[in-house]
């Protein structure tokens, strides 16, 4: 009797799974690629850093290669530009974007921006404290730093802001400008941290990975592009209607 009931119920269950996958395959794919893979890569880096504070062989090699081009002019440029990726610089840029969203009354987008940036900062602090990786000391640093290195706060903050802006402008005429400009900003901030010798490349990579996963994760929860009408329609829609909409 139990087997008979299972056989009768299995087709319905399989249809239900099929409807869910049809309705939410984009979200599931985004969760896997945008959150799962970055977190897996971050974990791999963190395990090595936690077990061996020396880190990776390529960390020192890349830093020493960058240091070969050191000169007074680049020293000054790096020391100036790197400030835009720090706490005060990211806070100022976030406030500017937040004011635009506030004026336009995009409350959901504003909530997403605030939660994403503030949460990223807290996660960075927790990770630094938990992994307590010391900063590189391959040469006399132009910008002596206290505190731990992994993951890079500048890399994580800049990537979080750019990812938030990409998500908020996705599908608009601004999206490609944000992607290109944001990529240049993120890469520039990363270069300044490496040039100044205050971070290992793996610190930068870890900051990027954590920022990507966090920004996409908060996006899947807050869904900043959803309007009130969209939310009501989604709640009232049946699984069949959701599958047809995709």
C-alpha atoms as a PDB file:
ATOM      1  CA  UNK A   1       0.000   0.000   0.000  1.00  0.00           C
ATOM      2  CA  UNK A   2       2.831   2.420   0.813  1.00  0.00           C
ATOM      3  CA  UNK A   3       4.586   1.726  -2.462  1.00  0.00           C
ATOM      4  CA  UNK A   4       1.328   2.241  -4.350  1.00  0.00           C
ATOM      5  CA  UNK A   5       0.804   5.667  -2.740  1.00  0.00           C
ATOM      6  CA  UNK A   6       4.385   6.705  -3.517  1.00  0.00           C
ATOM      7  CA  UNK A   7       3.944   5.720  -7.128  1.00  0.00           C
ATOM      8  CA  UNK A   8       0.768   7.787  -7.315  1.00  0.00           C
ATOM      9  CA  UNK A   9       2.421  10.794  -5.690  1.00  0.00           C
ATOM     10  CA  UNK A  10       5.758  10.746  -7.497  1.00  0.00           C
ATOM     11  CA  UNK A  11       4.475  12.136 -10.818  1.00  0.00           C
ATOM     12  CA  UNK A  12       2.928  15.100  -8.998  1.00  0.00           C
ATOM     13  CA  UNK A  13       6.102  15.674  -7.034  1.00  0.00           C
ATOM     14  CA  UNK A  14       8.208  15.543 -10.187  1.00  0.00           C
ATOM     15  CA  UNK A  15       5.866  18.015 -11.866  1.00  0.00           C
ATOM     16  CA  UNK A  16       6.178  20.293  -8.863  1.00  0.00           C
ATOM     17  CA  UNK A  17       9.994  20.149  -9.041  1.00  0.00           C
ATOM     18  CA  UNK A  18       9.828  20.846 -12.764  1.00  0.00           C
ATOM     19  CA  UNK A  19       7.612  23.895 -12.217  1.00  0.00           C
ATOM     20  CA  UNK A  20       9.936  25.243  -9.531  1.00  0.00           C
ATOM     21  CA  UNK A  21      12.981  24.818 -11.754  1.00  0.00           C
ATOM     22  CA  UNK A  22      11.201  26.443 -14.692  1.00  0.00           C
ATOM     23  CA  UNK A  23      10.062  29.372 -12.577  1.00  0.00           C
ATOM     24  CA  UNK A  24      13.297  29.970 -10.676  1.00  0.00           C
ATOM     25  CA  UNK A  25      16.123  28.582 -12.787  1.00  0.00           C
ATOM     26  CA  UNK A  26      17.690  32.014 -13.168  1.00  0.00           C
ATOM     27  CA  UNK A  27      17.754  32.528  -9.380  1.00  0.00           C
ATOM     28  CA  UNK A  28      19.139  29.043  -8.784  1.00  0.00           C
ATOM     29  CA  UNK A  29      21.853  29.544 -11.392  1.00  0.00           C
ATOM     30  CA  UNK A  30      22.735  32.930  -9.932  1.00  0.00           C
ATOM     31  CA  UNK A  31      22.904  31.395  -6.471  1.00  0.00           C
ATOM     32  CA  UNK A  32      25.266  28.669  -7.670  1.00  0.00           C
ATOM     33  CA  UNK A  33      27.544  30.797  -9.847  1.00  0.00           C
ATOM     34  CA  UNK A  34      27.326  34.107  -8.001  1.00  0.00           C
ATOM     35  CA  UNK A  35      27.382  32.861  -4.410  1.00  0.00           C
ATOM     36  CA  UNK A  36      28.404  29.209  -4.249  1.00  0.00           C
ATOM     37  CA  UNK A  37      31.511  29.354  -6.431  1.00  0.00           C
ATOM     38  CA  UNK A  38      32.937  32.585  -4.940  1.00  0.00           C
ATOM     39  CA  UNK A  39      32.426  31.273  -1.407  1.00  0.00           C
ATOM     40  CA  UNK A  40      34.088  27.989  -2.308  1.00  0.00           C
ATOM     41  CA  UNK A  41      37.081  29.835  -3.746  1.00  0.00           C
ATOM     42  CA  UNK A  42      37.201  32.135  -0.693  1.00  0.00           C
ATOM     43  CA  UNK A  43      37.183  29.117   1.599  1.00  0.00           C
ATOM     44  CA  UNK A  44      40.082  27.570  -0.303  1.00  0.00           C
ATOM     45  CA  UNK A  45      42.144  30.733   0.149  1.00  0.00           C
ATOM     46  CA  UNK A  46      41.154  31.096   3.791  1.00  0.00           C
ATOM     47  CA  UNK A  47      42.144  27.529   4.665  1.00  0.00           C
ATOM     48  CA  UNK A  48      45.648  28.016   3.295  1.00  0.00           C
ATOM     49  CA  UNK A  49      46.029  31.382   5.018  1.00  0.00           C
ATOM     50  CA  UNK A  50      44.783  29.969   8.324  1.00  0.00           C
ATOM     51  CA  UNK A  51      47.076  26.953   8.202  1.00  0.00           C
ATOM     52  CA  UNK A  52      50.128  28.630   6.713  1.00  0.00           C
ATOM     53  CA  UNK A  53      50.503  32.321   7.447  1.00  0.00           C
ATOM     54  CA  UNK A  54      53.152  32.507   4.739  1.00  0.00           C
ATOM     55  CA  UNK A  55      50.384  32.088   2.191  1.00  0.00           C
ATOM     56  CA  UNK A  56      51.058  31.359  -1.434  1.00  0.00           C
ATOM     57  CA  UNK A  57      54.326  31.432  -3.380  1.00  0.00           C
ATOM     58  CA  UNK A  58      52.801  33.671  -6.020  1.00  0.00           C
ATOM     59  CA  UNK A  59      51.895  36.296  -3.416  1.00  0.00           C
ATOM     60  CA  UNK A  60      55.478  37.416  -2.893  1.00  0.00           C
ATOM     61  CA  UNK A  61      56.400  36.960  -6.554  1.00  0.00           C
ATOM     62  CA  UNK A  62      53.656  39.323  -7.727  1.00  0.00           C
ATOM     63  CA  UNK A  63      54.441  41.930  -5.073  1.00  0.00           C
ATOM     64  CA  UNK A  64      58.145  41.932  -5.912  1.00  0.00           C
ATOM     65  CA  UNK A  65      57.363  42.237  -9.628  1.00  0.00           C
ATOM     66  CA  UNK A  66      55.132  45.250  -8.997  1.00  0.00           C
ATOM     67  CA  UNK A  67      57.766  46.839  -6.773  1.00  0.00           C
ATOM     68  CA  UNK A  68      60.280  46.877  -9.643  1.00  0.00           C
ATOM     69  CA  UNK A  69      58.432  49.827 -11.201  1.00  0.00           C
ATOM     70  CA  UNK A  70      58.420  51.891  -8.002  1.00  0.00           C
ATOM     71  CA  UNK A  71      59.194  55.577  -8.422  1.00  0.00           C
ATOM     72  CA  UNK A  72      58.378  58.790  -6.501  1.00  0.00           C
ATOM     73  CA  UNK A  73      55.589  59.840  -8.886  1.00  0.00           C
ATOM     74  CA  UNK A  74      53.814  56.468  -8.628  1.00  0.00           C
ATOM     75  CA  UNK A  75      54.325  56.539  -4.864  1.00  0.00           C
ATOM     76  CA  UNK A  76      52.356  59.762  -4.607  1.00  0.00           C
ATOM     77  CA  UNK A  77      49.655  58.629  -7.027  1.00  0.00           C
ATOM     78  CA  UNK A  78      49.139  55.353  -5.170  1.00  0.00           C
ATOM     79  CA  UNK A  79      48.991  57.038  -1.762  1.00  0.00           C
ATOM     80  CA  UNK A  80      46.380  59.507  -3.032  1.00  0.00           C
ATOM     81  CA  UNK A  81      44.192  57.210  -5.103  1.00  0.00           C
ATOM     82  CA  UNK A  82      44.068  54.418  -2.522  1.00  0.00           C
ATOM     83  CA  UNK A  83      42.108  56.691  -0.166  1.00  0.00           C
ATOM     84  CA  UNK A  84      39.046  56.516  -2.436  1.00  0.00           C
ATOM     85  CA  UNK A  85      38.804  52.797  -1.736  1.00  0.00           C
ATOM     86  CA  UNK A  86      39.110  53.172   2.026  1.00  0.00           C
ATOM     87  CA  UNK A  87      36.349  53.518   4.594  1.00  0.00           C
ATOM     88  CA  UNK A  88      35.894  57.259   4.157  1.00  0.00           C
ATOM     89  CA  UNK A  89      36.067  57.144   0.366  1.00  0.00           C
ATOM     90  CA  UNK A  90      33.559  54.284   0.014  1.00  0.00           C
ATOM     91  CA  UNK A  91      31.281  55.877   2.607  1.00  0.00           C
ATOM     92  CA  UNK A  92      31.283  59.168   0.680  1.00  0.00           C
ATOM     93  CA  UNK A  93      30.511  57.446  -2.628  1.00  0.00           C
ATOM     94  CA  UNK A  94      27.800  55.316  -1.027  1.00  0.00           C
ATOM     95  CA  UNK A  95      26.213  58.385   0.561  1.00  0.00           C
ATOM     96  CA  UNK A  96      26.142  60.126  -2.819  1.00  0.00           C
ATOM     97  CA  UNK A  97      24.393  57.163  -4.467  1.00  0.00           C
ATOM     98  CA  UNK A  98      22.079  56.820  -1.483  1.00  0.00           C
ATOM     99  CA  UNK A  99      20.970  60.445  -1.771  1.00  0.00           C
ATOM    100  CA  UNK A 100      20.091  59.895  -5.420  1.00  0.00           C
ATOM    101  CA  UNK A 101      17.968  56.864  -4.484  1.00  0.00           C
ATOM    102  CA  UNK A 102      16.409  58.828  -1.623  1.00  0.00           C
ATOM    103  CA  UNK A 103      15.404  61.720  -3.895  1.00  0.00           C
ATOM    104  CA  UNK A 104      13.956  59.266  -6.412  1.00  0.00           C
ATOM    105  CA  UNK A 105      12.133  57.420  -3.595  1.00  0.00           C
ATOM    106  CA  UNK A 106      13.574  54.064  -4.545  1.00  0.00           C
ATOM    107  CA  UNK A 107      13.218  52.677  -1.046  1.00  0.00           C
ATOM    108  CA  UNK A 108      13.954  49.043  -1.834  1.00  0.00           C
ATOM    109  CA  UNK A 109      17.084  49.968  -3.773  1.00  0.00           C
ATOM    110  CA  UNK A 110      18.204  52.260  -0.947  1.00  0.00           C
ATOM    111  CA  UNK A 111      17.694  49.486   1.595  1.00  0.00           C
ATOM    112  CA  UNK A 112      19.711  47.132  -0.587  1.00  0.00           C
ATOM    113  CA  UNK A 113      22.561  49.626  -0.907  1.00  0.00           C
ATOM    114  CA  UNK A 114      22.743  50.334   2.830  1.00  0.00           C
ATOM    115  CA  UNK A 115      22.539  46.694   3.903  1.00  0.00           C
ATOM    116  CA  UNK A 116      25.034  45.543   1.297  1.00  0.00           C
ATOM    117  CA  UNK A 117      27.718  48.106   2.094  1.00  0.00           C
ATOM    118  CA  UNK A 118      27.319  48.058   5.872  1.00  0.00           C
ATOM    119  CA  UNK A 119      27.148  44.271   5.975  1.00  0.00           C
ATOM    120  CA  UNK A 120      30.242  43.984   3.809  1.00  0.00           C
ATOM    121  CA  UNK A 121      32.214  46.140   6.212  1.00  0.00           C
ATOM    122  CA  UNK A 122      31.165  44.046   9.200  1.00  0.00           C
ATOM    123  CA  UNK A 123      31.960  40.784   7.431  1.00  0.00           C
ATOM    124  CA  UNK A 124      35.389  42.085   6.501  1.00  0.00           C
ATOM    125  CA  UNK A 125      36.163  42.967  10.104  1.00  0.00           C
ATOM    126  CA  UNK A 126      35.013  39.553  11.331  1.00  0.00           C
ATOM    127  CA  UNK A 127      37.074  37.724   8.701  1.00  0.00           C
ATOM    128  CA  UNK A 128      40.207  39.762   9.481  1.00  0.00           C
ATOM    129  CA  UNK A 129      39.878  39.022  13.181  1.00  0.00           C
ATOM    130  CA  UNK A 130      39.195  35.329  12.642  1.00  0.00           C
ATOM    131  CA  UNK A 131      42.081  34.727  10.219  1.00  0.00           C
ATOM    132  CA  UNK A 132      44.542  37.288  11.702  1.00  0.00           C
ATOM    133  CA  UNK A 133      46.903  37.289   8.733  1.00  0.00           C
ATOM    134  CA  UNK A 134      49.813  39.687   9.111  1.00  0.00           C
ATOM    135  CA  UNK A 135      50.564  42.150   6.339  1.00  0.00           C
ATOM    136  CA  UNK A 136      53.519  41.713   3.964  1.00  0.00           C
ATOM    137  CA  UNK A 137      56.893  43.189   4.929  1.00  0.00           C
ATOM    138  CA  UNK A 138      58.948  42.809   1.772  1.00  0.00           C
ATOM    139  CA  UNK A 139      60.171  46.423   1.766  1.00  0.00           C
ATOM    140  CA  UNK A 140      59.766  49.604   3.755  1.00  0.00           C
ATOM    141  CA  UNK A 141      56.124  50.506   3.341  1.00  0.00           C
ATOM    142  CA  UNK A 142      55.070  53.965   2.202  1.00  0.00           C
ATOM    143  CA  UNK A 143      51.816  53.593   4.082  1.00  0.00           C
ATOM    144  CA  UNK A 144      52.462  51.649   7.306  1.00  0.00           C
ATOM    145  CA  UNK A 145      49.375  49.742   8.378  1.00  0.00           C
ATOM    146  CA  UNK A 146      48.176  48.211  11.607  1.00  0.00           C
ATOM    147  CA  UNK A 147      45.698  45.385  11.791  1.00  0.00           C
ATOM    148  CA  UNK A 148      45.270  42.233   9.781  1.00  0.00           C
ATOM    149  CA  UNK A 149      45.376  41.770   6.030  1.00  0.00           C
ATOM    150  CA  UNK A 150      42.962  39.019   4.936  1.00  0.00           C
ATOM    151  CA  UNK A 151      40.698  39.865   3.203  1.00  0.00           C
ATOM    152  CA  UNK A 152      41.583  43.334   1.939  1.00  0.00           C
ATOM    153  CA  UNK A 153      39.092  45.915   3.186  1.00  0.00           C
ATOM    154  CA  UNK A 154      39.816  48.241   0.264  1.00  0.00           C
ATOM    155  CA  UNK A 155      39.303  45.449  -2.282  1.00  0.00           C
ATOM    156  CA  UNK A 156      36.147  44.211  -0.590  1.00  0.00           C
ATOM    157  CA  UNK A 157      34.662  47.672  -0.120  1.00  0.00           C
ATOM    158  CA  UNK A 158      35.321  48.831  -3.673  1.00  0.00           C
ATOM    159  CA  UNK A 159      34.028  45.595  -5.188  1.00  0.00           C
ATOM    160  CA  UNK A 160      30.921  45.647  -2.989  1.00  0.00           C
ATOM    161  CA  UNK A 161      30.078  49.184  -4.076  1.00  0.00           C
ATOM    162  CA  UNK A 162      30.630  48.408  -7.753  1.00  0.00           C
ATOM    163  CA  UNK A 163      28.632  45.165  -7.551  1.00  0.00           C
ATOM    164  CA  UNK A 164      25.771  47.033  -5.859  1.00  0.00           C
ATOM    165  CA  UNK A 165      25.804  49.680  -8.586  1.00  0.00           C
ATOM    166  CA  UNK A 166      25.872  47.037 -11.329  1.00  0.00           C
ATOM    167  CA  UNK A 167      22.871  45.299  -9.773  1.00  0.00           C
ATOM    168  CA  UNK A 168      20.975  48.577  -9.278  1.00  0.00           C
ATOM    169  CA  UNK A 169      21.578  49.734 -12.863  1.00  0.00           C
ATOM    170  CA  UNK A 170      21.199  46.332 -14.505  1.00  0.00           C
ATOM    171  CA  UNK A 171      19.102  46.542 -17.659  1.00  0.00           C
ATOM    172  CA  UNK A 172      19.305  50.332 -17.873  1.00  0.00           C
ATOM    173  CA  UNK A 173      21.297  52.538 -20.226  1.00  0.00           C
ATOM    174  CA  UNK A 174      23.807  53.060 -17.416  1.00  0.00           C
ATOM    175  CA  UNK A 175      24.697  49.408 -16.892  1.00  0.00           C
ATOM    176  CA  UNK A 176      27.657  49.140 -19.276  1.00  0.00           C
ATOM    177  CA  UNK A 177      29.097  52.454 -18.142  1.00  0.00           C
ATOM    178  CA  UNK A 178      28.944  51.235 -14.546  1.00  0.00           C
ATOM    179  CA  UNK A 179      30.501  47.885 -15.460  1.00  0.00           C
ATOM    180  CA  UNK A 180      33.404  49.448 -17.346  1.00  0.00           C
ATOM    181  CA  UNK A 181      33.969  52.348 -14.968  1.00  0.00           C
ATOM    182  CA  UNK A 182      33.485  50.163 -11.917  1.00  0.00           C
ATOM    183  CA  UNK A 183      35.931  47.561 -13.187  1.00  0.00           C
ATOM    184  CA  UNK A 184      38.560  50.241 -13.727  1.00  0.00           C
ATOM    185  CA  UNK A 185      37.938  51.583 -10.210  1.00  0.00           C
ATOM    186  CA  UNK A 186      38.212  48.149  -8.583  1.00  0.00           C
ATOM    187  CA  UNK A 187      41.393  47.274 -10.469  1.00  0.00           C
ATOM    188  CA  UNK A 188      42.963  50.646  -9.676  1.00  0.00           C
ATOM    189  CA  UNK A 189      42.290  50.330  -5.954  1.00  0.00           C
ATOM    190  CA  UNK A 190      43.704  46.786  -5.998  1.00  0.00           C
ATOM    191  CA  UNK A 191      46.845  48.028  -7.757  1.00  0.00           C
ATOM    192  CA  UNK A 192      47.402  50.743  -5.152  1.00  0.00           C
ATOM    193  CA  UNK A 193      47.213  48.224  -2.302  1.00  0.00           C
ATOM    194  CA  UNK A 194      49.728  45.943  -3.993  1.00  0.00           C
ATOM    195  CA  UNK A 195      52.007  48.783  -5.068  1.00  0.00           C
ATOM    196  CA  UNK A 196      52.081  50.151  -1.518  1.00  0.00           C
ATOM    197  CA  UNK A 197      52.917  46.665  -0.257  1.00  0.00           C
ATOM    198  CA  UNK A 198      50.167  46.570   2.373  1.00  0.00           C
ATOM    199  CA  UNK A 199      48.367  43.514   0.986  1.00  0.00           C
ATOM    200  CA  UNK A 200      49.138  40.207  -0.629  1.00  0.00           C
ATOM    201  CA  UNK A 201      47.412  39.458  -3.965  1.00  0.00           C
ATOM    202  CA  UNK A 202      45.455  36.686  -2.227  1.00  0.00           C
ATOM    203  CA  UNK A 203      44.081  39.317   0.197  1.00  0.00           C
ATOM    204  CA  UNK A 204      42.769  41.249  -2.792  1.00  0.00           C
ATOM    205  CA  UNK A 205      41.291  38.170  -4.448  1.00  0.00           C
ATOM    206  CA  UNK A 206      39.595  37.095  -1.233  1.00  0.00           C
ATOM    207  CA  UNK A 207      38.067  40.550  -0.800  1.00  0.00           C
ATOM    208  CA  UNK A 208      36.661  40.444  -4.316  1.00  0.00           C
ATOM    209  CA  UNK A 209      35.209  36.955  -3.871  1.00  0.00           C
ATOM    210  CA  UNK A 210      33.554  37.803  -0.564  1.00  0.00           C
ATOM    211  CA  UNK A 211      32.120  41.030  -1.987  1.00  0.00           C
ATOM    212  CA  UNK A 212      30.652  39.299  -5.034  1.00  0.00           C
ATOM    213  CA  UNK A 213      29.008  36.568  -2.976  1.00  0.00           C
ATOM    214  CA  UNK A 214      27.645  39.002  -0.387  1.00  0.00           C
ATOM    215  CA  UNK A 215      26.305  41.529  -2.931  1.00  0.00           C
ATOM    216  CA  UNK A 216      24.499  38.861  -4.942  1.00  0.00           C
ATOM    217  CA  UNK A 217      23.203  37.158  -1.805  1.00  0.00           C
ATOM    218  CA  UNK A 218      21.644  40.342  -0.444  1.00  0.00           C
ATOM    219  CA  UNK A 219      20.220  41.025  -3.907  1.00  0.00           C
ATOM    220  CA  UNK A 220      18.404  37.686  -3.926  1.00  0.00           C
ATOM    221  CA  UNK A 221      16.857  38.551  -0.557  1.00  0.00           C
ATOM    222  CA  UNK A 222      16.035  42.252  -0.946  1.00  0.00           C
ATOM    223  CA  UNK A 223      15.409  42.163  -4.731  1.00  0.00           C
ATOM    224  CA  UNK A 224      15.868  45.918  -5.227  1.00  0.00           C
ATOM    225  CA  UNK A 225      14.213  45.977  -8.664  1.00  0.00           C
ATOM    226  CA  UNK A 226      10.932  44.564  -7.377  1.00  0.00           C
ATOM    227  CA  UNK A 227       8.119  47.087  -7.174  1.00  0.00           C
ATOM    228  CA  UNK A 228       5.122  46.810  -4.873  1.00  0.00           C
ATOM    229  CA  UNK A 229       2.988  45.596  -7.780  1.00  0.00           C
ATOM    230  CA  UNK A 230       5.554  42.937  -8.704  1.00  0.00           C
ATOM    231  CA  UNK A 231       5.632  41.695  -5.128  1.00  0.00           C
ATOM    232  CA  UNK A 232       1.842  41.362  -4.897  1.00  0.00           C
ATOM    233  CA  UNK A 233       1.648  39.628  -8.260  1.00  0.00           C
ATOM    234  CA  UNK A 234       4.365  37.162  -7.301  1.00  0.00           C
ATOM    235  CA  UNK A 235       2.686  36.259  -4.030  1.00  0.00           C
ATOM    236  CA  UNK A 236      -0.657  35.690  -5.720  1.00  0.00           C
ATOM    237  CA  UNK A 237       0.731  33.851  -8.758  1.00  0.00           C
ATOM    238  CA  UNK A 238       0.357  30.096  -9.018  1.00  0.00           C
ATOM    239  CA  UNK A 239       3.294  27.817  -9.851  1.00  0.00           C
ATOM    240  CA  UNK A 240       1.834  27.353 -13.357  1.00  0.00           C
ATOM    241  CA  UNK A 241       1.717  31.120 -13.907  1.00  0.00           C
ATOM    242  CA  UNK A 242       5.261  31.516 -12.663  1.00  0.00           C
ATOM    243  CA  UNK A 243       6.540  28.846 -15.012  1.00  0.00           C
ATOM    244  CA  UNK A 244       4.767  30.410 -18.012  1.00  0.00           C
ATOM    245  CA  UNK A 245       6.223  33.836 -17.171  1.00  0.00           C
ATOM    246  CA  UNK A 246       9.718  32.466 -17.761  1.00  0.00           C
END
